[in-house]
Amino acid sequence: MERIRLFVGQDAREACGLHVFLESLWKHTSLPVDLTVLTPKLGEQLNIQSDGTNAFSTLRFAIPHLMNYAGHAIFMDGADMMLRTDLAELWTSIELNTAVQVVKHDYQTKHPMKYLGTTLEAGNASYPRKNWSSVVIWNCGHGAHVRNREQLLHGDGRYLHRFSWLEDKEIGEIHKDWNHIPRELPANPNAKLVHFSLGLPGFEHYRHDEHSHEWQGHLKSAARGLQYFGR
């Protein structure tokens, strides 16, 4: 049986967010999933430092290296996301001739700050190809990745998040439903993946955002079996 190779980010400051994402993954996905979590410890082993607002900001670009420059893999931020459909649908939409596939957002942020009211509060600047790197189908053996392996492992964040090592024709497209961002984009009841980029519904300021009730339902499911929280 075909197996989905999935990489997701992990940041201790949003720990519940990753558990919610995984709960939504298990609920909807029909194929076996080979899951790799991009942890800070892994970043230390590869000597890759984060230069963004999460611990895996640049570590995601090491995925071709972690896959030995062969095969395909999906990356999703994970920690601030929620699936609403079967991930197998995305896995079967792979294009063989592109280096990556992404949702090609083209917007200027309406919110200059994110994670409001939390210790994570940070600036939220607009930049070219913003959020393209938050959902990526990697063609790990593509020659452009192999030729630029040092940049992918240790390059500057601006260079990486803009996919500057690739020609435009090497960047394929994923439907916008696979990276819907509440508050930033028009409401989308058909979203397949919700990306709470500005802040999790677990944060007070965002608890009533679009699709937040589903996120909170997955949080309750993730905590099922917990009778008490020990001291």
C-alpha atoms as a PDB file:
ATOM      1  CA  MET A   1       0.000   0.000   0.000  1.00  0.00           C
ATOM      2  CA  GLU A   2       1.189   3.527  -0.789  1.00  0.00           C
ATOM      3  CA  ARG A   3       2.548   5.423   2.224  1.00  0.00           C
ATOM      4  CA  ILE A   4       2.450   9.200   2.670  1.00  0.00           C
ATOM      5  CA  ARG A   5       5.753  10.724   3.742  1.00  0.00           C
ATOM      6  CA  LEU A   6       4.897  13.693   5.936  1.00  0.00           C
ATOM      7  CA  PHE A   7       7.160  16.152   7.767  1.00  0.00           C
ATOM      8  CA  VAL A   8       5.731  18.602  10.321  1.00  0.00           C
ATOM      9  CA  GLY A   9       7.191  21.311  12.536  1.00  0.00           C
ATOM     10  CA  GLN A  10       7.364  21.254  16.326  1.00  0.00           C
ATOM     11  CA  ASP A  11       7.685  24.202  18.678  1.00  0.00           C
ATOM     12  CA  ALA A  12       7.311  23.680  22.434  1.00  0.00           C
ATOM     13  CA  ARG A  13       5.514  27.020  22.762  1.00  0.00           C
ATOM     14  CA  GLU A  14       2.653  25.695  20.608  1.00  0.00           C
ATOM     15  CA  ALA A  15       2.745  22.087  21.792  1.00  0.00           C
ATOM     16  CA  CYS A  16      -1.040  21.653  21.896  1.00  0.00           C
ATOM     17  CA  GLY A  17      -1.255  22.897  18.309  1.00  0.00           C
ATOM     18  CA  LEU A  18       0.798  19.988  16.995  1.00  0.00           C
ATOM     19  CA  HIS A  19      -1.340  17.488  18.928  1.00  0.00           C
ATOM     20  CA  VAL A  20      -4.486  19.025  17.427  1.00  0.00           C
ATOM     21  CA  PHE A  21      -2.997  18.791  13.944  1.00  0.00           C
ATOM     22  CA  LEU A  22      -2.110  15.123  14.470  1.00  0.00           C
ATOM     23  CA  GLU A  23      -5.604  14.420  15.808  1.00  0.00           C
ATOM     24  CA  SER A  24      -7.081  15.915  12.628  1.00  0.00           C
ATOM     25  CA  LEU A  25      -4.610  13.892  10.543  1.00  0.00           C
ATOM     26  CA  TRP A  26      -5.551  10.578  12.173  1.00  0.00           C
ATOM     27  CA  LYS A  27      -9.258  11.355  11.871  1.00  0.00           C
ATOM     28  CA  HIS A  28      -9.286  12.036   8.134  1.00  0.00           C
ATOM     29  CA  THR A  29      -6.400  10.226   6.452  1.00  0.00           C
ATOM     30  CA  SER A  30      -7.003   6.896   4.729  1.00  0.00           C
ATOM     31  CA  LEU A  31      -3.411   5.894   3.829  1.00  0.00           C
ATOM     32  CA  PRO A  32      -0.562   4.941   6.172  1.00  0.00           C
ATOM     33  CA  VAL A  33       1.573   7.951   7.105  1.00  0.00           C
ATOM     34  CA  ASP A  34       5.330   7.928   7.673  1.00  0.00           C
ATOM     35  CA  LEU A  35       5.607  10.899  10.011  1.00  0.00           C
ATOM     36  CA  THR A  36       8.780  12.850  10.816  1.00  0.00           C
ATOM     37  CA  VAL A  37       8.608  15.695  13.326  1.00  0.00           C
ATOM     38  CA  LEU A  38      11.174  18.455  12.781  1.00  0.00           C
ATOM     39  CA  THR A  39      12.312  19.019  16.360  1.00  0.00           C
ATOM     40  CA  PRO A  40      14.805  21.569  17.712  1.00  0.00           C
ATOM     41  CA  LYS A  41      17.112  18.653  18.595  1.00  0.00           C
ATOM     42  CA  LEU A  42      17.177  17.632  14.954  1.00  0.00           C
ATOM     43  CA  GLY A  43      18.028  21.205  14.020  1.00  0.00           C
ATOM     44  CA  GLU A  44      20.943  21.122  16.464  1.00  0.00           C
ATOM     45  CA  GLN A  45      22.256  17.893  14.925  1.00  0.00           C
ATOM     46  CA  LEU A  46      22.186  19.448  11.455  1.00  0.00           C
ATOM     47  CA  ASN A  47      23.564  22.776  12.744  1.00  0.00           C
ATOM     48  CA  ILE A  48      20.500  24.604  11.438  1.00  0.00           C
ATOM     49  CA  GLN A  49      19.371  27.600  13.458  1.00  0.00           C
ATOM     50  CA  SER A  50      15.876  29.070  13.307  1.00  0.00           C
ATOM     51  CA  ASP A  51      15.702  32.661  12.087  1.00  0.00           C
ATOM     52  CA  GLY A  52      11.929  33.085  12.269  1.00  0.00           C
ATOM     53  CA  THR A  53       9.077  33.047  14.766  1.00  0.00           C
ATOM     54  CA  ASN A  54       9.026  29.257  15.095  1.00  0.00           C
ATOM     55  CA  ALA A  55      11.688  26.676  15.896  1.00  0.00           C
ATOM     56  CA  PHE A  56      11.535  24.974  12.480  1.00  0.00           C
ATOM     57  CA  SER A  57      11.563  28.091  10.302  1.00  0.00           C
ATOM     58  CA  THR A  58      14.571  27.028   8.198  1.00  0.00           C
ATOM     59  CA  LEU A  59      14.749  23.347   9.179  1.00  0.00           C
ATOM     60  CA  ARG A  60      11.962  22.551   6.683  1.00  0.00           C
ATOM     61  CA  PHE A  61      14.386  23.173   3.820  1.00  0.00           C
ATOM     62  CA  ALA A  62      16.520  20.224   4.963  1.00  0.00           C
ATOM     63  CA  ILE A  63      13.796  17.777   3.914  1.00  0.00           C
ATOM     64  CA  PRO A  64      15.480  16.783   0.604  1.00  0.00           C
ATOM     65  CA  HIS A  65      18.639  16.031   2.641  1.00  0.00           C
ATOM     66  CA  LEU A  66      16.644  14.005   5.186  1.00  0.00           C
ATOM     67  CA  MET A  67      15.087  12.077   2.287  1.00  0.00           C
ATOM     68  CA  ASN A  68      18.551  11.370   0.800  1.00  0.00           C
ATOM     69  CA  TYR A  69      17.550  13.419  -2.255  1.00  0.00           C
ATOM     70  CA  ALA A  70      15.063  10.816  -3.426  1.00  0.00           C
ATOM     71  CA  GLY A  71      11.279  10.497  -3.605  1.00  0.00           C
ATOM     72  CA  HIS A  72       8.501  12.877  -2.643  1.00  0.00           C
ATOM     73  CA  ALA A  73       7.452  14.228   0.740  1.00  0.00           C
ATOM     74  CA  ILE A  74       4.910  16.693   2.085  1.00  0.00           C
ATOM     75  CA  PHE A  75       5.844  19.396   4.572  1.00  0.00           C
ATOM     76  CA  MET A  76       3.252  21.210   6.691  1.00  0.00           C
ATOM     77  CA  ASP A  77       3.859  23.653   9.520  1.00  0.00           C
ATOM     78  CA  GLY A  78       1.572  21.399  11.539  1.00  0.00           C
ATOM     79  CA  ALA A  79       1.807  23.260  14.837  1.00  0.00           C
ATOM     80  CA  ASP A  80      -0.683  25.936  13.742  1.00  0.00           C
ATOM     81  CA  MET A  81      -2.728  23.890  11.268  1.00  0.00           C
ATOM     82  CA  MET A  82      -5.757  21.615  11.097  1.00  0.00           C
ATOM     83  CA  LEU A  83      -6.740  19.138   8.381  1.00  0.00           C
ATOM     84  CA  ARG A  84     -10.368  18.937   7.290  1.00  0.00           C
ATOM     85  CA  THR A  85     -10.045  16.220   4.648  1.00  0.00           C
ATOM     86  CA  ASP A  86      -8.027  13.160   3.646  1.00  0.00           C
ATOM     87  CA  LEU A  87      -4.320  13.939   3.185  1.00  0.00           C
ATOM     88  CA  ALA A  88      -4.235  11.172   0.561  1.00  0.00           C
ATOM     89  CA  GLU A  89      -6.015  13.595  -1.767  1.00  0.00           C
ATOM     90  CA  LEU A  90      -3.002  15.918  -1.679  1.00  0.00           C
ATOM     91  CA  TRP A  91      -0.530  13.037  -1.931  1.00  0.00           C
ATOM     92  CA  THR A  92      -2.119  11.833  -5.152  1.00  0.00           C
ATOM     93  CA  SER A  93      -1.878  15.313  -6.744  1.00  0.00           C
ATOM     94  CA  ILE A  94       1.930  15.181  -7.041  1.00  0.00           C
ATOM     95  CA  GLU A  95       3.446  16.596 -10.237  1.00  0.00           C
ATOM     96  CA  LEU A  96       6.544  14.668 -11.281  1.00  0.00           C
ATOM     97  CA  ASN A  97       8.237  17.466 -13.244  1.00  0.00           C
ATOM     98  CA  THR A  98       8.317  20.265 -10.657  1.00  0.00           C
ATOM     99  CA  ALA A  99      10.802  20.783  -7.819  1.00  0.00           C
ATOM    100  CA  VAL A 100       8.132  21.816  -5.324  1.00  0.00           C
ATOM    101  CA  GLN A 101       4.398  22.449  -5.246  1.00  0.00           C
ATOM    102  CA  VAL A 102       2.923  25.167  -3.043  1.00  0.00           C
ATOM    103  CA  VAL A 103      -0.203  27.263  -2.546  1.00  0.00           C
ATOM    104  CA  LYS A 104       0.770  30.480  -4.327  1.00  0.00           C
ATOM    105  CA  HIS A 105      -0.663  33.096  -1.979  1.00  0.00           C
ATOM    106  CA  ASP A 106      -0.471  36.685  -3.162  1.00  0.00           C
ATOM    107  CA  TYR A 107      -1.594  39.014  -0.385  1.00  0.00           C
ATOM    108  CA  GLN A 108      -0.489  41.812   1.904  1.00  0.00           C
ATOM    109  CA  THR A 109      -1.146  41.084   5.566  1.00  0.00           C
ATOM    110  CA  LYS A 110      -3.968  42.949   7.279  1.00  0.00           C
ATOM    111  CA  HIS A 111      -2.363  42.296  10.657  1.00  0.00           C
ATOM    112  CA  PRO A 112       1.119  43.728  11.367  1.00  0.00           C
ATOM    113  CA  MET A 113       1.341  41.715  14.618  1.00  0.00           C
ATOM    114  CA  LYS A 114       0.510  38.072  15.353  1.00  0.00           C
ATOM    115  CA  TYR A 115       0.063  35.891  18.445  1.00  0.00           C
ATOM    116  CA  LEU A 116      -1.535  38.893  20.174  1.00  0.00           C
ATOM    117  CA  GLY A 117      -1.808  38.618  23.943  1.00  0.00           C
ATOM    118  CA  THR A 118       0.758  35.818  24.255  1.00  0.00           C
ATOM    119  CA  THR A 119       4.473  35.518  24.962  1.00  0.00           C
ATOM    120  CA  LEU A 120       4.854  34.629  21.270  1.00  0.00           C
ATOM    121  CA  GLU A 121       3.695  38.075  20.116  1.00  0.00           C
ATOM    122  CA  ALA A 122       5.752  39.136  17.102  1.00  0.00           C
ATOM    123  CA  GLY A 123       5.760  41.229  13.958  1.00  0.00           C
ATOM    124  CA  ASN A 124       4.001  39.905  10.883  1.00  0.00           C
ATOM    125  CA  ALA A 125       5.565  41.589   7.874  1.00  0.00           C
ATOM    126  CA  SER A 126       4.486  41.073   4.285  1.00  0.00           C
ATOM    127  CA  TYR A 127       7.090  39.763   1.850  1.00  0.00           C
ATOM    128  CA  PRO A 128       7.144  38.131  -1.599  1.00  0.00           C
ATOM    129  CA  ARG A 129       5.726  34.599  -1.622  1.00  0.00           C
ATOM    130  CA  LYS A 130       4.576  34.903   1.984  1.00  0.00           C
ATOM    131  CA  ASN A 131       3.466  31.566   3.439  1.00  0.00           C
ATOM    132  CA  TRP A 132       4.352  29.609   0.290  1.00  0.00           C
ATOM    133  CA  SER A 133       6.746  27.509   2.378  1.00  0.00           C
ATOM    134  CA  SER A 134       4.146  26.541   5.006  1.00  0.00           C
ATOM    135  CA  VAL A 135       2.741  23.722   2.826  1.00  0.00           C
ATOM    136  CA  VAL A 136       5.165  22.141   0.356  1.00  0.00           C
ATOM    137  CA  ILE A 137       5.190  18.984  -1.723  1.00  0.00           C
ATOM    138  CA  TRP A 138       8.907  18.287  -2.174  1.00  0.00           C
ATOM    139  CA  ASN A 139      10.317  16.449  -5.172  1.00  0.00           C
ATOM    140  CA  CYS A 140      13.406  15.606  -3.156  1.00  0.00           C
ATOM    141  CA  GLY A 141      15.499  14.250  -6.019  1.00  0.00           C
ATOM    142  CA  HIS A 142      15.053  17.266  -8.266  1.00  0.00           C
ATOM    143  CA  GLY A 143      18.377  18.507  -9.650  1.00  0.00           C
ATOM    144  CA  ALA A 144      17.847  22.054  -8.378  1.00  0.00           C
ATOM    145  CA  HIS A 145      17.823  20.769  -4.780  1.00  0.00           C
ATOM    146  CA  VAL A 146      20.875  18.605  -5.326  1.00  0.00           C
ATOM    147  CA  ARG A 147      22.859  21.457  -6.886  1.00  0.00           C
ATOM    148  CA  ASN A 148      21.932  23.822  -4.052  1.00  0.00           C
ATOM    149  CA  ARG A 149      22.142  21.413  -1.121  1.00  0.00           C
ATOM    150  CA  GLU A 150      24.437  23.690   0.923  1.00  0.00           C
ATOM    151  CA  GLN A 151      22.021  26.611   0.552  1.00  0.00           C
ATOM    152  CA  LEU A 152      19.082  24.420   1.574  1.00  0.00           C
ATOM    153  CA  LEU A 153      20.897  23.355   4.727  1.00  0.00           C
ATOM    154  CA  HIS A 154      22.487  26.651   5.742  1.00  0.00           C
ATOM    155  CA  GLY A 155      21.051  29.415   3.565  1.00  0.00           C
ATOM    156  CA  ASP A 156      19.515  32.704   4.640  1.00  0.00           C
ATOM    157  CA  GLY A 157      15.826  32.587   5.549  1.00  0.00           C
ATOM    158  CA  ARG A 158      14.826  35.257   3.054  1.00  0.00           C
ATOM    159  CA  TYR A 159      16.477  33.307   0.248  1.00  0.00           C
ATOM    160  CA  LEU A 160      14.867  30.045   1.329  1.00  0.00           C
ATOM    161  CA  HIS A 161      11.285  31.150   1.997  1.00  0.00           C
ATOM    162  CA  ARG A 162      11.170  32.847  -1.406  1.00  0.00           C
ATOM    163  CA  PHE A 163      12.402  29.628  -3.120  1.00  0.00           C
ATOM    164  CA  SER A 164      15.097  31.749  -4.704  1.00  0.00           C
ATOM    165  CA  TRP A 165      17.151  28.744  -5.881  1.00  0.00           C
ATOM    166  CA  LEU A 166      14.310  27.717  -8.219  1.00  0.00           C
ATOM    167  CA  GLU A 167      13.085  29.010 -11.550  1.00  0.00           C
ATOM    168  CA  ASP A 168       9.401  29.956 -11.646  1.00  0.00           C
ATOM    169  CA  LYS A 169       8.616  27.015 -13.927  1.00  0.00           C
ATOM    170  CA  GLU A 170      10.020  24.634 -11.287  1.00  0.00           C
ATOM    171  CA  ILE A 171       7.428  25.747  -8.713  1.00  0.00           C
ATOM    172  CA  GLY A 172       4.153  23.899  -9.188  1.00  0.00           C
ATOM    173  CA  GLU A 173       0.841  24.866  -7.637  1.00  0.00           C
ATOM    174  CA  ILE A 174      -1.461  23.419  -4.996  1.00  0.00           C
ATOM    175  CA  HIS A 175      -5.097  24.523  -4.794  1.00  0.00           C
ATOM    176  CA  LYS A 176      -5.738  27.378  -2.345  1.00  0.00           C
ATOM    177  CA  ASP A 177      -8.035  25.145  -0.238  1.00  0.00           C
ATOM    178  CA  TRP A 178      -4.881  23.417   1.071  1.00  0.00           C
ATOM    179  CA  ASN A 179      -3.572  26.511   2.907  1.00  0.00           C
ATOM    180  CA  HIS A 180      -6.452  28.673   4.073  1.00  0.00           C
ATOM    181  CA  ILE A 181      -5.500  31.459   6.495  1.00  0.00           C
ATOM    182  CA  PRO A 182      -8.330  32.854   8.663  1.00  0.00           C
ATOM    183  CA  ARG A 183      -8.510  36.671   8.938  1.00  0.00           C
ATOM    184  CA  GLU A 184      -6.014  37.111   6.107  1.00  0.00           C
ATOM    185  CA  LEU A 185      -8.095  35.521   3.323  1.00  0.00           C
ATOM    186  CA  PRO A 186     -11.838  35.536   2.538  1.00  0.00           C
ATOM    187  CA  ALA A 187     -13.831  32.959   4.498  1.00  0.00           C
ATOM    188  CA  ASN A 188     -13.595  29.505   2.968  1.00  0.00           C
ATOM    189  CA  PRO A 189     -16.073  26.876   4.188  1.00  0.00           C
ATOM    190  CA  ASN A 190     -14.475  24.367   1.791  1.00  0.00           C
ATOM    191  CA  ALA A 191     -10.943  24.701   3.175  1.00  0.00           C
ATOM    192  CA  LYS A 192      -9.121  21.375   3.266  1.00  0.00           C
ATOM    193  CA  LEU A 193      -6.336  22.650   5.515  1.00  0.00           C
ATOM    194  CA  VAL A 194      -6.743  25.602   7.884  1.00  0.00           C
ATOM    195  CA  HIS A 195      -3.584  27.519   8.765  1.00  0.00           C
ATOM    196  CA  PHE A 196      -4.007  29.583  11.932  1.00  0.00           C
ATOM    197  CA  SER A 197      -0.978  31.679  11.017  1.00  0.00           C
ATOM    198  CA  LEU A 198      -1.934  34.673  13.176  1.00  0.00           C
ATOM    199  CA  GLY A 199      -2.650  32.641  16.298  1.00  0.00           C
ATOM    200  CA  LEU A 200      -4.155  29.367  17.497  1.00  0.00           C
ATOM    201  CA  PRO A 201      -7.801  29.226  18.583  1.00  0.00           C
ATOM    202  CA  GLY A 202      -6.321  28.205  21.930  1.00  0.00           C
ATOM    203  CA  PHE A 203      -5.214  31.835  22.358  1.00  0.00           C
ATOM    204  CA  GLU A 204      -7.844  34.175  23.776  1.00  0.00           C
ATOM    205  CA  HIS A 205      -7.608  36.716  20.944  1.00  0.00           C
ATOM    206  CA  TYR A 206      -8.317  34.078  18.264  1.00  0.00           C
ATOM    207  CA  ARG A 207     -10.724  31.705  19.983  1.00  0.00           C
ATOM    208  CA  HIS A 208     -13.696  32.715  17.827  1.00  0.00           C
ATOM    209  CA  ASP A 209     -11.880  32.709  14.477  1.00  0.00           C
ATOM    210  CA  GLU A 210     -13.158  30.856  11.425  1.00  0.00           C
ATOM    211  CA  HIS A 211     -13.098  27.063  11.935  1.00  0.00           C
ATOM    212  CA  SER A 212     -12.029  27.533  15.572  1.00  0.00           C
ATOM    213  CA  HIS A 213     -14.837  25.317  16.883  1.00  0.00           C
ATOM    214  CA  GLU A 214     -13.437  22.394  14.878  1.00  0.00           C
ATOM    215  CA  TRP A 215      -9.953  23.036  16.232  1.00  0.00           C
ATOM    216  CA  GLN A 216     -11.300  23.076  19.796  1.00  0.00           C
ATOM    217  CA  GLY A 217     -13.152  19.814  19.117  1.00  0.00           C
ATOM    218  CA  HIS A 218      -9.900  18.144  18.048  1.00  0.00           C
ATOM    219  CA  LEU A 219      -8.226  19.499  21.181  1.00  0.00           C
ATOM    220  CA  LYS A 220     -10.848  17.763  23.325  1.00  0.00           C
ATOM    221  CA  SER A 221     -10.321  14.546  21.368  1.00  0.00           C
ATOM    222  CA  ALA A 222      -6.554  14.761  21.845  1.00  0.00           C
ATOM    223  CA  ALA A 223      -7.099  15.014  25.609  1.00  0.00           C
ATOM    224  CA  ARG A 224      -9.499  12.044  25.735  1.00  0.00           C
ATOM    225  CA  GLY A 225      -8.550   9.649  28.528  1.00  0.00           C
ATOM    226  CA  LEU A 226      -7.066  12.385  30.700  1.00  0.00           C
ATOM    227  CA  GLN A 227      -8.853  12.207  34.045  1.00  0.00           C
ATOM    228  CA  TYR A 228      -6.637  14.576  35.965  1.00  0.00           C
ATOM    229  CA  PHE A 229      -3.574  16.706  35.527  1.00  0.00           C
ATOM    230  CA  GLY A 230      -1.027  15.569  38.115  1.00  0.00           C
ATOM    231  CA  ARG A 231       0.855  18.068  40.228  1.00  0.00           C
END
